[in-house]
């Protein structure tokens, strides 16, 4: 597998491409917000959003069903304590 690395020279705005062989896929760097205000779109504030605790929703279960616009969705807690929403 061939991967491409792209370097940007900020001083003059030119792009320099360097091909390298590697088997790993590039990783996306995503910053995790530390507060609710950081996680919300800029047009919303924490006061505009209703916040529910997952414990209130799940009440000891690890899966709930949510009906939305005629469709049923399943919200699950994984073994790693993350949430997954499936239609």
Protein backbone atom coordinates (compact mmCIF):
# COMPACT_ATOMS: atom_id res chain seq x y z
CA UNK A 1 0.00 0.00 0.00
CA UNK A 2 1.28 3.48 -0.87
CA UNK A 3 0.52 6.47 1.32
CA UNK A 4 1.03 10.11 0.52
CA UNK A 5 2.31 12.64 3.00
CA UNK A 6 1.62 16.27 2.22
CA UNK A 7 3.71 19.02 3.76
CA UNK A 8 2.58 22.61 3.58
CA UNK A 9 5.22 25.27 3.53
CA UNK A 10 3.42 28.10 5.29
CA UNK A 11 6.04 30.69 4.45
CA UNK A 12 5.36 30.68 0.72
CA UNK A 13 2.10 28.70 0.48
CA UNK A 14 3.57 25.91 -1.69
CA UNK A 15 2.70 22.25 -1.27
CA UNK A 16 5.37 19.57 -1.28
CA UNK A 17 4.21 15.97 -1.72
CA UNK A 18 6.30 13.10 -0.50
CA UNK A 19 5.38 9.47 -1.26
CA UNK A 20 6.27 6.89 1.33
CA UNK A 21 5.45 3.26 1.65
CA UNK A 22 3.61 2.31 4.77
CA UNK A 23 0.84 -0.02 5.77
CA UNK A 24 -0.86 2.05 8.44
CA UNK A 25 -3.80 4.27 7.59
CA UNK A 26 -3.55 7.96 8.43
CA UNK A 27 -5.15 8.81 11.76
CA UNK A 28 -7.50 11.72 12.27
CA UNK A 29 -6.70 13.95 15.18
CA UNK A 30 -9.89 15.04 16.93
CA UNK A 31 -9.89 17.24 19.97
CA UNK A 32 -12.28 16.04 22.65
CA UNK A 33 -14.22 18.88 24.23
CA UNK A 34 -13.74 19.28 27.97
CA UNK A 35 -16.97 21.18 28.67
CA UNK A 36 -20.50 21.18 27.30
CA UNK A 37 -20.01 24.72 25.97
CA UNK A 38 -17.05 23.53 23.86
CA UNK A 39 -19.03 20.59 22.47
CA UNK A 40 -22.03 22.63 21.30
CA UNK A 41 -22.25 24.51 18.01
CA UNK A 42 -21.36 28.18 18.40
CA UNK A 43 -24.97 29.29 17.82
CA UNK A 44 -26.18 27.32 20.87
CA UNK A 45 -25.39 27.71 24.53
CA UNK A 46 -25.64 25.22 27.36
CA UNK A 47 -28.86 26.92 28.46
CA UNK A 48 -30.47 26.17 25.05
CA UNK A 49 -29.94 22.40 25.27
CA UNK A 50 -31.78 19.99 27.55
CA UNK A 51 -29.23 17.69 29.21
CA UNK A 52 -30.31 14.23 30.38
CA UNK A 53 -28.14 11.81 32.30
CA UNK A 54 -27.77 8.45 30.55
CA UNK A 55 -28.54 6.71 33.85
CA UNK A 56 -31.97 8.40 33.80
CA UNK A 57 -32.65 7.12 30.28
CA UNK A 58 -31.33 3.57 30.65
CA UNK A 59 -32.45 2.93 34.27
CA UNK A 60 -30.08 -0.02 34.75
CA UNK A 61 -30.48 -1.44 31.23
CA UNK A 62 -27.83 -1.29 28.50
CA UNK A 63 -30.25 -0.69 25.59
CA UNK A 64 -33.32 1.47 24.97
CA UNK A 65 -35.61 2.07 22.00
CA UNK A 66 -36.34 5.59 20.76
CA UNK A 67 -39.25 6.26 18.40
CA UNK A 68 -38.55 9.22 16.11
CA UNK A 69 -40.64 10.30 13.14
CA UNK A 70 -42.22 6.84 12.80
CA UNK A 71 -38.92 4.94 12.96
CA UNK A 72 -37.53 3.04 15.95
CA UNK A 73 -33.89 3.54 16.89
CA UNK A 74 -31.85 1.51 19.39
CA UNK A 75 -29.46 3.32 21.72
CA UNK A 76 -26.94 0.96 23.32
CA UNK A 77 -24.15 1.21 25.88
CA UNK A 78 -21.12 -0.79 24.74
CA UNK A 79 -18.72 -2.75 26.93
CA UNK A 80 -16.35 0.19 26.68
CA UNK A 81 -19.15 2.43 28.11
CA UNK A 82 -19.70 4.28 24.80
CA UNK A 83 -23.06 4.95 23.14
CA UNK A 84 -24.14 3.55 19.76
CA UNK A 85 -27.35 4.58 17.96
CA UNK A 86 -28.75 2.19 15.31
CA UNK A 87 -31.85 2.43 13.17
